[in-house]
Amino acid sequence: MGTVSNRAVVGVMDIGGGHVTAALIDPAEPGQVLAEAAGSLDPHAPREVLLAGLAAPARSLLSDGSAAAPTRWAIAIPGPFDAAAGVGSFEGVDKFRSIAGVDLRAEFAMRLGTTTDRIGFLNDAVAYGIGEWATGAGEHAARLLCVTLGTGVGSAFLADGHEVDGGPDVPPNGDAHRIEIDGVPLERVMSSPAIRDAFRERTGQERTVAEVCAAARAGDDDAMVVVDAALGALGRALAPWVQRFGATRVVVGGAIAGSWDVIAVPLGRGLAAGAPTIAPELVPARLGARAPLVGAAAWAA
């Protein structure tokens, strides 16, 4: 295996609500991160401060001189974001308001010393899913659904590793968070805030999701009821789309998936209740925080 300096690499970035990570990856081996840098973000910072923070980790990789300039940059970013235009509205989310409507393709090209045609964007949940498909738990499944569970429900419907975001077989834009269950938006029932709220309403106690899952693991009745209700609802909400899409494997990632031993059974039970004629393989994600980086590299290739 060659050194970083004599390998063709792509630059990738994973932008979150409070962090940004940049990496250099050989697209021929997307599972191997050659160099990586990370930084924290204040998503409410003024425009110039936020733009500088977004570019800082990538600039640090370029400045150390150990690698050739990337042939292109693939940037995983949360929505609402128009990847073709390189512009986000970020409507309905409490972050990035100062860069709403800003041409981020031009901004990143200027800050990274490249041209706009070498900057591409994809949704962060889709990047996560492609990463898991390419080198993780997806194992190149022909029809894969990857969901990420945290403050919301992210999703990627992938056919041979390519995003499917339109047509009758997927929710609008391929977004699971747009699904309703029992007449309410899915994320009001299944998300970190929803689980915390449900536990507080049931017990009067404030707990993190990890603490609720730990209590369920220990046999606490209230915690088990809350977890079962949330994950069961998720399974029932996803089931019709798993069936329509023909997904043979469902990969689950994100912070909540760290409690796989607690969530897998109610999620599987919900899937079975929603579509008893299907039996997709339900597995936890493997790559963790590196999944979007790997996925962005695979997508760029």
C-alpha atoms as a PDB file:
ATOM      1  CA  MET A   1       0.000   0.000   0.000  1.00  0.00           C
ATOM      2  CA  GLY A   2       1.408   3.395  -0.982  1.00  0.00           C
ATOM      3  CA  THR A   3       1.819   6.439   1.192  1.00  0.00           C
ATOM      4  CA  VAL A   4      -0.790   9.165   1.337  1.00  0.00           C
ATOM      5  CA  SER A   5       1.360  11.505  -0.739  1.00  0.00           C
ATOM      6  CA  ASN A   6       1.475   9.344  -3.873  1.00  0.00           C
ATOM      7  CA  ARG A   7      -2.141   8.175  -3.962  1.00  0.00           C
ATOM      8  CA  ALA A   8      -5.036   9.788  -5.793  1.00  0.00           C
ATOM      9  CA  VAL A   9      -7.477  10.806  -3.101  1.00  0.00           C
ATOM     10  CA  VAL A  10     -10.870  12.403  -2.717  1.00  0.00           C
ATOM     11  CA  GLY A  11     -11.646  14.815   0.065  1.00  0.00           C
ATOM     12  CA  VAL A  12     -14.775  14.167   2.063  1.00  0.00           C
ATOM     13  CA  MET A  13     -16.608  16.069   4.772  1.00  0.00           C
ATOM     14  CA  ASP A  14     -19.332  15.115   7.230  1.00  0.00           C
ATOM     15  CA  ILE A  15     -21.218  18.132   8.563  1.00  0.00           C
ATOM     16  CA  GLY A  16     -23.372  17.734  11.662  1.00  0.00           C
ATOM     17  CA  GLY A  17     -25.230  20.135  13.889  1.00  0.00           C
ATOM     18  CA  GLY A  18     -22.263  20.686  16.204  1.00  0.00           C
ATOM     19  CA  HIS A  19     -19.299  19.174  14.390  1.00  0.00           C
ATOM     20  CA  VAL A  20     -17.539  18.837  11.067  1.00  0.00           C
ATOM     21  CA  THR A  21     -15.097  16.084  10.090  1.00  0.00           C
ATOM     22  CA  ALA A  22     -12.920  16.074   6.991  1.00  0.00           C
ATOM     23  CA  ALA A  23     -10.912  13.180   5.606  1.00  0.00           C
ATOM     24  CA  LEU A  24      -8.810  12.075   2.669  1.00  0.00           C
ATOM     25  CA  ILE A  25      -9.730   8.705   1.222  1.00  0.00           C
ATOM     26  CA  ASP A  26      -8.500   6.637  -1.690  1.00  0.00           C
ATOM     27  CA  PRO A  27     -11.723   5.992  -3.659  1.00  0.00           C
ATOM     28  CA  ALA A  28     -10.393   2.577  -4.656  1.00  0.00           C
ATOM     29  CA  GLU A  29     -10.391   1.644  -0.963  1.00  0.00           C
ATOM     30  CA  PRO A  30     -13.180   3.742   0.568  1.00  0.00           C
ATOM     31  CA  GLY A  31     -13.071   1.823   3.836  1.00  0.00           C
ATOM     32  CA  GLN A  32      -9.593   3.143   4.611  1.00  0.00           C
ATOM     33  CA  VAL A  33      -9.371   6.712   5.884  1.00  0.00           C
ATOM     34  CA  LEU A  34      -5.891   8.021   5.074  1.00  0.00           C
ATOM     35  CA  ALA A  35      -6.053  11.261   7.042  1.00  0.00           C
ATOM     36  CA  GLU A  36      -8.741  12.862   9.175  1.00  0.00           C
ATOM     37  CA  ALA A  37      -9.381  16.107  11.045  1.00  0.00           C
ATOM     38  CA  ALA A  38     -12.373  17.296  13.026  1.00  0.00           C
ATOM     39  CA  GLY A  39     -13.674  20.444  14.624  1.00  0.00           C
ATOM     40  CA  SER A  40     -16.629  21.671  16.623  1.00  0.00           C
ATOM     41  CA  LEU A  41     -19.249  24.069  15.297  1.00  0.00           C
ATOM     42  CA  ASP A  42     -21.641  26.604  16.704  1.00  0.00           C
ATOM     43  CA  PRO A  43     -24.563  26.117  14.315  1.00  0.00           C
ATOM     44  CA  HIS A  44     -25.939  29.521  15.376  1.00  0.00           C
ATOM     45  CA  ALA A  45     -22.744  31.457  14.611  1.00  0.00           C
ATOM     46  CA  PRO A  46     -22.734  34.406  12.189  1.00  0.00           C
ATOM     47  CA  ARG A  47     -22.243  33.561   8.545  1.00  0.00           C
ATOM     48  CA  GLU A  48     -18.500  34.185   8.163  1.00  0.00           C
ATOM     49  CA  VAL A  49     -17.657  32.488  11.455  1.00  0.00           C
ATOM     50  CA  LEU A  50     -19.714  29.445  10.549  1.00  0.00           C
ATOM     51  CA  LEU A  51     -18.296  29.185   7.029  1.00  0.00           C
ATOM     52  CA  ALA A  52     -14.753  29.402   8.363  1.00  0.00           C
ATOM     53  CA  GLY A  53     -15.514  26.691  10.922  1.00  0.00           C
ATOM     54  CA  LEU A  54     -17.008  24.414   8.286  1.00  0.00           C
ATOM     55  CA  ALA A  55     -13.893  24.622   6.139  1.00  0.00           C
ATOM     56  CA  ALA A  56     -11.276  24.563   8.923  1.00  0.00           C
ATOM     57  CA  PRO A  57     -10.709  20.763   9.235  1.00  0.00           C
ATOM     58  CA  ALA A  58     -10.412  20.350   5.463  1.00  0.00           C
ATOM     59  CA  ARG A  59      -8.004  23.274   5.239  1.00  0.00           C
ATOM     60  CA  SER A  60      -5.850  21.704   7.943  1.00  0.00           C
ATOM     61  CA  LEU A  61      -5.581  18.494   5.917  1.00  0.00           C
ATOM     62  CA  LEU A  62      -4.514  20.459   2.863  1.00  0.00           C
ATOM     63  CA  SER A  63      -1.955  22.543   4.731  1.00  0.00           C
ATOM     64  CA  ASP A  64       0.095  19.712   6.268  1.00  0.00           C
ATOM     65  CA  GLY A  65       1.611  18.815   2.898  1.00  0.00           C
ATOM     66  CA  SER A  66       1.374  15.041   3.297  1.00  0.00           C
ATOM     67  CA  ALA A  67      -1.108  14.490   0.492  1.00  0.00           C
ATOM     68  CA  ALA A  68      -1.715  15.590  -3.050  1.00  0.00           C
ATOM     69  CA  ALA A  69      -4.652  17.891  -3.602  1.00  0.00           C
ATOM     70  CA  PRO A  70      -7.888  15.875  -3.719  1.00  0.00           C
ATOM     71  CA  THR A  71      -9.322  15.286  -7.161  1.00  0.00           C
ATOM     72  CA  ARG A  72     -12.709  16.369  -5.797  1.00  0.00           C
ATOM     73  CA  TRP A  73     -14.625  16.988  -2.574  1.00  0.00           C
ATOM     74  CA  ALA A  74     -17.785  15.153  -1.538  1.00  0.00           C
ATOM     75  CA  ILE A  75     -19.635  16.841   1.306  1.00  0.00           C
ATOM     76  CA  ALA A  76     -22.306  15.109   3.395  1.00  0.00           C
ATOM     77  CA  ILE A  77     -24.665  17.702   4.820  1.00  0.00           C
ATOM     78  CA  PRO A  78     -28.052  17.638   6.580  1.00  0.00           C
ATOM     79  CA  GLY A  79     -31.160  18.978   4.937  1.00  0.00           C
ATOM     80  CA  PRO A  80     -33.226  20.651   3.855  1.00  0.00           C
ATOM     81  CA  PHE A  81     -30.532  21.087   1.203  1.00  0.00           C
ATOM     82  CA  ASP A  82     -30.584  21.311  -2.608  1.00  0.00           C
ATOM     83  CA  ALA A  83     -27.527  19.258  -3.538  1.00  0.00           C
ATOM     84  CA  ALA A  84     -27.647  20.248  -7.212  1.00  0.00           C
ATOM     85  CA  ALA A  85     -27.701  23.964  -6.413  1.00  0.00           C
ATOM     86  CA  GLY A  86     -25.390  23.706  -3.407  1.00  0.00           C
ATOM     87  CA  VAL A  87     -27.819  25.761  -1.333  1.00  0.00           C
ATOM     88  CA  GLY A  88     -29.723  24.855   1.828  1.00  0.00           C
ATOM     89  CA  SER A  89     -32.872  26.386   3.256  1.00  0.00           C
ATOM     90  CA  PHE A  90     -32.437  24.545   6.582  1.00  0.00           C
ATOM     91  CA  GLU A  91     -36.106  25.297   7.104  1.00  0.00           C
ATOM     92  CA  GLY A  92     -37.621  23.765  10.210  1.00  0.00           C
ATOM     93  CA  VAL A  93     -34.287  22.974  11.883  1.00  0.00           C
ATOM     94  CA  ASP A  94     -32.698  25.053  14.599  1.00  0.00           C
ATOM     95  CA  LYS A  95     -29.284  25.391  12.963  1.00  0.00           C
ATOM     96  CA  PHE A  96     -27.365  26.943  10.088  1.00  0.00           C
ATOM     97  CA  ARG A  97     -29.777  29.841   9.690  1.00  0.00           C
ATOM     98  CA  SER A  98     -26.938  32.250   8.915  1.00  0.00           C
ATOM     99  CA  ILE A  99     -25.949  30.243   5.815  1.00  0.00           C
ATOM    100  CA  ALA A 100     -29.465  29.559   4.525  1.00  0.00           C
ATOM    101  CA  GLY A 101     -29.555  30.540   0.864  1.00  0.00           C
ATOM    102  CA  VAL A 102     -25.757  30.787   0.609  1.00  0.00           C
ATOM    103  CA  ASP A 103     -24.020  29.175  -2.380  1.00  0.00           C
ATOM    104  CA  LEU A 104     -21.954  26.685  -0.393  1.00  0.00           C
ATOM    105  CA  ARG A 105     -20.394  25.164  -3.509  1.00  0.00           C
ATOM    106  CA  ALA A 106     -18.763  28.499  -4.308  1.00  0.00           C
ATOM    107  CA  GLU A 107     -17.839  29.136  -0.676  1.00  0.00           C
ATOM    108  CA  PHE A 108     -16.135  25.757  -0.235  1.00  0.00           C
ATOM    109  CA  ALA A 109     -14.374  26.029  -3.604  1.00  0.00           C
ATOM    110  CA  MET A 110     -12.882  29.366  -2.585  1.00  0.00           C
ATOM    111  CA  ARG A 111     -11.827  28.191   0.863  1.00  0.00           C
ATOM    112  CA  LEU A 112     -10.369  24.892  -0.341  1.00  0.00           C
ATOM    113  CA  GLY A 113      -8.541  26.299  -3.335  1.00  0.00           C
ATOM    114  CA  THR A 114     -10.439  24.375  -5.978  1.00  0.00           C
ATOM    115  CA  THR A 115     -13.161  24.895  -8.579  1.00  0.00           C
ATOM    116  CA  THR A 116     -16.901  24.594  -8.147  1.00  0.00           C
ATOM    117  CA  ASP A 117     -17.103  21.609 -10.494  1.00  0.00           C
ATOM    118  CA  ARG A 118     -14.979  19.648  -8.020  1.00  0.00           C
ATOM    119  CA  ILE A 119     -17.414  20.176  -5.126  1.00  0.00           C
ATOM    120  CA  GLY A 120     -20.366  17.824  -4.697  1.00  0.00           C
ATOM    121  CA  PHE A 121     -22.994  17.427  -1.996  1.00  0.00           C
ATOM    122  CA  LEU A 122     -25.144  14.595  -0.726  1.00  0.00           C
ATOM    123  CA  ASN A 123     -27.462  14.175   2.219  1.00  0.00           C
ATOM    124  CA  ASP A 124     -25.707  13.023   5.387  1.00  0.00           C
ATOM    125  CA  ALA A 125     -28.110  10.111   6.013  1.00  0.00           C
ATOM    126  CA  VAL A 126     -27.646   8.950   2.420  1.00  0.00           C
ATOM    127  CA  ALA A 127     -23.867   9.154   2.831  1.00  0.00           C
ATOM    128  CA  TYR A 128     -24.195   7.072   6.000  1.00  0.00           C
ATOM    129  CA  GLY A 129     -26.225   4.469   4.131  1.00  0.00           C
ATOM    130  CA  ILE A 130     -23.833   4.292   1.184  1.00  0.00           C
ATOM    131  CA  GLY A 131     -20.937   3.846   3.600  1.00  0.00           C
ATOM    132  CA  GLU A 132     -22.668   0.947   5.305  1.00  0.00           C
ATOM    133  CA  TRP A 133     -23.570  -0.530   1.913  1.00  0.00           C
ATOM    134  CA  ALA A 134     -20.006  -0.242   0.609  1.00  0.00           C
ATOM    135  CA  THR A 135     -17.942  -1.517   3.540  1.00  0.00           C
ATOM    136  CA  GLY A 136     -20.254  -2.048   6.498  1.00  0.00           C
ATOM    137  CA  ALA A 137     -23.358  -3.945   7.501  1.00  0.00           C
ATOM    138  CA  GLY A 138     -25.099  -3.410   4.163  1.00  0.00           C
ATOM    139  CA  GLU A 139     -22.774  -5.900   2.477  1.00  0.00           C
ATOM    140  CA  HIS A 140     -23.690  -4.692  -1.027  1.00  0.00           C
ATOM    141  CA  ALA A 141     -27.343  -5.704  -0.672  1.00  0.00           C
ATOM    142  CA  ALA A 142     -29.197  -5.133  -3.934  1.00  0.00           C
ATOM    143  CA  ARG A 143     -32.063  -3.371  -2.104  1.00  0.00           C
ATOM    144  CA  LEU A 144     -31.083  -1.778   1.176  1.00  0.00           C
ATOM    145  CA  LEU A 145     -32.805   0.515   3.648  1.00  0.00           C
ATOM    146  CA  CYS A 146     -30.517   2.255   6.123  1.00  0.00           C
ATOM    147  CA  VAL A 147     -32.050   4.314   8.918  1.00  0.00           C
ATOM    148  CA  THR A 148     -30.228   6.493  11.419  1.00  0.00           C
ATOM    149  CA  LEU A 149     -31.864   7.115  14.779  1.00  0.00           C
ATOM    150  CA  GLY A 150     -31.048  10.159  16.866  1.00  0.00           C
ATOM    151  CA  THR A 151     -32.672  13.581  17.156  1.00  0.00           C
ATOM    152  CA  GLY A 152     -34.622  12.497  14.084  1.00  0.00           C
ATOM    153  CA  VAL A 153     -35.006   9.576  11.710  1.00  0.00           C
ATOM    154  CA  GLY A 154     -32.672   9.684   8.724  1.00  0.00           C
ATOM    155  CA  SER A 155     -32.994   7.257   5.853  1.00  0.00           C
ATOM    156  CA  ALA A 156     -31.413   6.014   2.657  1.00  0.00           C
ATOM    157  CA  PHE A 157     -33.186   3.727   0.209  1.00  0.00           C
ATOM    158  CA  LEU A 158     -30.408   2.235  -1.932  1.00  0.00           C
ATOM    159  CA  ALA A 159     -30.600   0.122  -5.081  1.00  0.00           C
ATOM    160  CA  ASP A 160     -27.166  -1.384  -5.735  1.00  0.00           C
ATOM    161  CA  GLY A 161     -25.663   1.401  -3.656  1.00  0.00           C
ATOM    162  CA  HIS A 162     -27.454   4.241  -5.477  1.00  0.00           C
ATOM    163  CA  GLU A 163     -29.990   6.487  -3.779  1.00  0.00           C
ATOM    164  CA  VAL A 164     -33.640   6.115  -4.744  1.00  0.00           C
ATOM    165  CA  ASP A 165     -35.497   9.281  -3.733  1.00  0.00           C
ATOM    166  CA  GLY A 166     -38.537   9.255  -5.984  1.00  0.00           C
ATOM    167  CA  GLY A 167     -41.340   7.039  -7.239  1.00  0.00           C
ATOM    168  CA  PRO A 168     -44.055   4.989  -5.574  1.00  0.00           C
ATOM    169  CA  ASP A 169     -41.701   2.622  -3.746  1.00  0.00           C
ATOM    170  CA  VAL A 170     -40.230   5.175  -1.316  1.00  0.00           C
ATOM    171  CA  PRO A 171     -41.611   7.971   0.868  1.00  0.00           C
ATOM    172  CA  PRO A 172     -41.451  11.527  -0.539  1.00  0.00           C
ATOM    173  CA  ASN A 173     -37.808  12.301  -1.362  1.00  0.00           C
ATOM    174  CA  GLY A 174     -36.882   8.973   0.222  1.00  0.00           C
ATOM    175  CA  ASP A 175     -37.273  10.602   3.655  1.00  0.00           C
ATOM    176  CA  ALA A 176     -38.561   8.332   6.410  1.00  0.00           C
ATOM    177  CA  HIS A 177     -39.143  11.321   8.657  1.00  0.00           C
ATOM    178  CA  ARG A 178     -41.990  12.329   6.358  1.00  0.00           C
ATOM    179  CA  ILE A 179     -43.930   9.172   7.222  1.00  0.00           C
ATOM    180  CA  GLU A 180     -46.898   9.405   9.581  1.00  0.00           C
ATOM    181  CA  ILE A 181     -47.817   6.686  12.056  1.00  0.00           C
ATOM    182  CA  ASP A 182     -51.164   6.563  13.837  1.00  0.00           C
ATOM    183  CA  GLY A 183     -51.964   9.987  12.398  1.00  0.00           C
ATOM    184  CA  VAL A 184     -48.887  11.842  13.676  1.00  0.00           C
ATOM    185  CA  PRO A 185     -45.438  12.530  12.204  1.00  0.00           C
ATOM    186  CA  LEU A 186     -43.067   9.643  12.883  1.00  0.00           C
ATOM    187  CA  GLU A 187     -40.469  11.749  14.702  1.00  0.00           C
ATOM    188  CA  ARG A 188     -43.037  12.772  17.322  1.00  0.00           C
ATOM    189  CA  VAL A 189     -43.186   9.108  18.285  1.00  0.00           C
ATOM    190  CA  MET A 190     -39.689   7.852  17.493  1.00  0.00           C
ATOM    191  CA  SER A 191     -36.707  10.135  18.067  1.00  0.00           C
ATOM    192  CA  SER A 192     -34.476  11.044  20.979  1.00  0.00           C
ATOM    193  CA  PRO A 193     -36.744  13.923  22.056  1.00  0.00           C
ATOM    194  CA  ALA A 194     -39.836  11.712  21.681  1.00  0.00           C
ATOM    195  CA  ILE A 195     -38.394   8.968  23.886  1.00  0.00           C
ATOM    196  CA  ARG A 196     -37.282  11.454  26.541  1.00  0.00           C
ATOM    197  CA  ASP A 197     -40.691  13.150  26.490  1.00  0.00           C
ATOM    198  CA  ALA A 198     -42.565   9.836  26.722  1.00  0.00           C
ATOM    199  CA  PHE A 199     -40.493   8.693  29.689  1.00  0.00           C
ATOM    200  CA  ARG A 200     -40.959  12.028  31.475  1.00  0.00           C
ATOM    201  CA  GLU A 201     -44.715  11.965  30.879  1.00  0.00           C
ATOM    202  CA  ARG A 202     -44.921   8.422  32.221  1.00  0.00           C
ATOM    203  CA  THR A 203     -42.641   8.783  35.263  1.00  0.00           C
ATOM    204  CA  GLY A 204     -42.080  12.499  35.880  1.00  0.00           C
ATOM    205  CA  GLN A 205     -38.335  11.852  35.560  1.00  0.00           C
ATOM    206  CA  GLU A 206     -35.818  13.385  33.161  1.00  0.00           C
ATOM    207  CA  ARG A 207     -33.603  10.768  31.534  1.00  0.00           C
ATOM    208  CA  THR A 208     -31.393  10.596  28.465  1.00  0.00           C
ATOM    209  CA  VAL A 209     -32.256   8.013  25.829  1.00  0.00           C
ATOM    210  CA  ALA A 210     -29.192   5.996  26.825  1.00  0.00           C
ATOM    211  CA  GLU A 211     -30.436   6.003  30.423  1.00  0.00           C
ATOM    212  CA  VAL A 212     -33.936   4.955  29.360  1.00  0.00           C
ATOM    213  CA  CYS A 213     -32.459   2.086  27.332  1.00  0.00           C
ATOM    214  CA  ALA A 214     -30.224   1.080  30.235  1.00  0.00           C
ATOM    215  CA  ALA A 215     -33.256   1.005  32.515  1.00  0.00           C
ATOM    216  CA  ALA A 216     -35.150  -1.123  29.986  1.00  0.00           C
ATOM    217  CA  ARG A 217     -32.168  -3.478  29.820  1.00  0.00           C
ATOM    218  CA  ALA A 218     -32.315  -3.788  33.607  1.00  0.00           C
ATOM    219  CA  GLY A 219     -36.006  -4.693  33.486  1.00  0.00           C
ATOM    220  CA  ASP A 220     -37.631  -1.370  34.427  1.00  0.00           C
ATOM    221  CA  ASP A 221     -41.270  -1.650  33.340  1.00  0.00           C
ATOM    222  CA  ASP A 222     -41.750   2.028  32.479  1.00  0.00           C
ATOM    223  CA  ALA A 223     -38.607   2.140  30.362  1.00  0.00           C
ATOM    224  CA  MET A 224     -39.526  -1.054  28.550  1.00  0.00           C
ATOM    225  CA  VAL A 225     -42.988   0.288  27.713  1.00  0.00           C
ATOM    226  CA  VAL A 226     -41.514   3.529  26.338  1.00  0.00           C
ATOM    227  CA  VAL A 227     -38.838   1.809  24.249  1.00  0.00           C
ATOM    228  CA  ASP A 228     -41.237  -0.838  22.945  1.00  0.00           C
ATOM    229  CA  ALA A 229     -43.785   1.791  21.917  1.00  0.00           C
ATOM    230  CA  ALA A 230     -41.250   3.979  20.093  1.00  0.00           C
ATOM    231  CA  LEU A 231     -39.410   1.214  18.260  1.00  0.00           C
ATOM    232  CA  GLY A 232     -42.581  -0.717  17.538  1.00  0.00           C
ATOM    233  CA  ALA A 233     -44.055   2.386  15.932  1.00  0.00           C
ATOM    234  CA  LEU A 234     -40.907   2.820  13.860  1.00  0.00           C
ATOM    235  CA  GLY A 235     -41.166  -0.752  12.611  1.00  0.00           C
ATOM    236  CA  ARG A 236     -44.822  -0.381  11.694  1.00  0.00           C
ATOM    237  CA  ALA A 237     -44.119   2.920   9.922  1.00  0.00           C
ATOM    238  CA  LEU A 238     -41.256   1.485   7.879  1.00  0.00           C
ATOM    239  CA  ALA A 239     -42.857  -1.856   7.058  1.00  0.00           C
ATOM    240  CA  PRO A 240     -45.018  -0.802   4.072  1.00  0.00           C
ATOM    241  CA  TRP A 241     -42.032   0.971   2.495  1.00  0.00           C
ATOM    242  CA  VAL A 242     -39.701  -1.949   3.130  1.00  0.00           C
ATOM    243  CA  GLN A 243     -42.261  -4.111   1.362  1.00  0.00           C
ATOM    244  CA  ARG A 244     -42.784  -1.741  -1.575  1.00  0.00           C
ATOM    245  CA  PHE A 245     -39.080  -1.132  -2.049  1.00  0.00           C
ATOM    246  CA  GLY A 246     -38.259  -4.815  -1.728  1.00  0.00           C
ATOM    247  CA  ALA A 247     -35.510  -4.218   0.815  1.00  0.00           C
ATOM    248  CA  THR A 248     -33.838  -7.464   1.780  1.00  0.00           C
ATOM    249  CA  ARG A 249     -31.726  -5.852   4.492  1.00  0.00           C
ATOM    250  CA  VAL A 250     -32.430  -3.034   6.954  1.00  0.00           C
ATOM    251  CA  VAL A 251     -29.391  -1.443   8.588  1.00  0.00           C
ATOM    252  CA  VAL A 252     -29.930   0.670  11.700  1.00  0.00           C
ATOM    253  CA  GLY A 253     -27.386   3.251  12.827  1.00  0.00           C
ATOM    254  CA  GLY A 254     -27.220   6.442  14.863  1.00  0.00           C
ATOM    255  CA  ALA A 255     -26.907   7.045  18.581  1.00  0.00           C
ATOM    256  CA  ILE A 256     -29.981   5.029  19.567  1.00  0.00           C
ATOM    257  CA  ALA A 257     -28.670   1.978  17.705  1.00  0.00           C
ATOM    258  CA  GLY A 258     -25.932   1.827  20.342  1.00  0.00           C
ATOM    259  CA  SER A 259     -28.560   0.088  22.471  1.00  0.00           C
ATOM    260  CA  TRP A 260     -29.165  -2.598  19.850  1.00  0.00           C
ATOM    261  CA  ASP A 261     -29.798  -5.318  22.411  1.00  0.00           C
ATOM    262  CA  VAL A 262     -32.747  -3.280  23.678  1.00  0.00           C
ATOM    263  CA  ILE A 263     -34.225  -1.901  20.451  1.00  0.00           C
ATOM    264  CA  ALA A 264     -33.843  -4.793  18.001  1.00  0.00           C
ATOM    265  CA  VAL A 265     -36.714  -6.945  19.282  1.00  0.00           C
ATOM    266  CA  PRO A 266     -39.447  -4.260  19.373  1.00  0.00           C
ATOM    267  CA  LEU A 267     -38.272  -2.877  16.022  1.00  0.00           C
ATOM    268  CA  GLY A 268     -38.406  -6.317  14.438  1.00  0.00           C
ATOM    269  CA  ARG A 269     -41.776  -6.961  16.007  1.00  0.00           C
ATOM    270  CA  GLY A 270     -43.095  -3.703  14.560  1.00  0.00           C
ATOM    271  CA  LEU A 271     -41.806  -4.573  11.084  1.00  0.00           C
ATOM    272  CA  ALA A 272     -43.490  -7.965  11.279  1.00  0.00           C
ATOM    273  CA  ALA A 273     -46.768  -6.432  12.464  1.00  0.00           C
ATOM    274  CA  GLY A 274     -46.748  -3.848   9.669  1.00  0.00           C
ATOM    275  CA  ALA A 275     -45.909  -6.309   6.893  1.00  0.00           C
ATOM    276  CA  PRO A 276     -46.159  -9.910   8.044  1.00  0.00           C
ATOM    277  CA  THR A 277     -45.310 -11.309   4.600  1.00  0.00           C
ATOM    278  CA  ILE A 278     -41.773  -9.853   4.512  1.00  0.00           C
ATOM    279  CA  ALA A 279     -38.716 -10.840   6.478  1.00  0.00           C
ATOM    280  CA  PRO A 280     -35.810  -8.476   5.750  1.00  0.00           C
ATOM    281  CA  GLU A 281     -32.560  -9.043   7.600  1.00  0.00           C
ATOM    282  CA  LEU A 282     -32.393  -6.490  10.411  1.00  0.00           C
ATOM    283  CA  VAL A 283     -28.836  -5.598  11.447  1.00  0.00           C
ATOM    284  CA  PRO A 284     -26.976  -2.875  13.365  1.00  0.00           C
ATOM    285  CA  ALA A 285     -24.633  -0.521  11.517  1.00  0.00           C
ATOM    286  CA  ARG A 286     -20.915  -1.273  11.801  1.00  0.00           C
ATOM    287  CA  LEU A 287     -19.015   1.858  10.836  1.00  0.00           C
ATOM    288  CA  GLY A 288     -20.249   4.364  13.389  1.00  0.00           C
ATOM    289  CA  ALA A 289     -19.196   7.975  12.857  1.00  0.00           C
ATOM    290  CA  ARG A 290     -17.034   7.081   9.862  1.00  0.00           C
ATOM    291  CA  ALA A 291     -19.957   5.813   7.794  1.00  0.00           C
ATOM    292  CA  PRO A 292     -20.745   9.207   6.168  1.00  0.00           C
ATOM    293  CA  LEU A 293     -17.064   9.737   5.291  1.00  0.00           C
ATOM    294  CA  VAL A 294     -16.786   6.314   3.684  1.00  0.00           C
ATOM    295  CA  GLY A 295     -20.117   6.789   1.938  1.00  0.00           C
ATOM    296  CA  ALA A 296     -19.154  10.199   0.564  1.00  0.00           C
ATOM    297  CA  ALA A 297     -15.952   8.699  -0.871  1.00  0.00           C
ATOM    298  CA  ALA A 298     -17.813   5.797  -2.452  1.00  0.00           C
ATOM    299  CA  TRP A 299     -20.373   8.204  -3.889  1.00  0.00           C
ATOM    300  CA  ALA A 300     -17.629  10.434  -5.314  1.00  0.00           C
ATOM    301  CA  ALA A 301     -16.037   7.442  -6.997  1.00  0.00           C
END
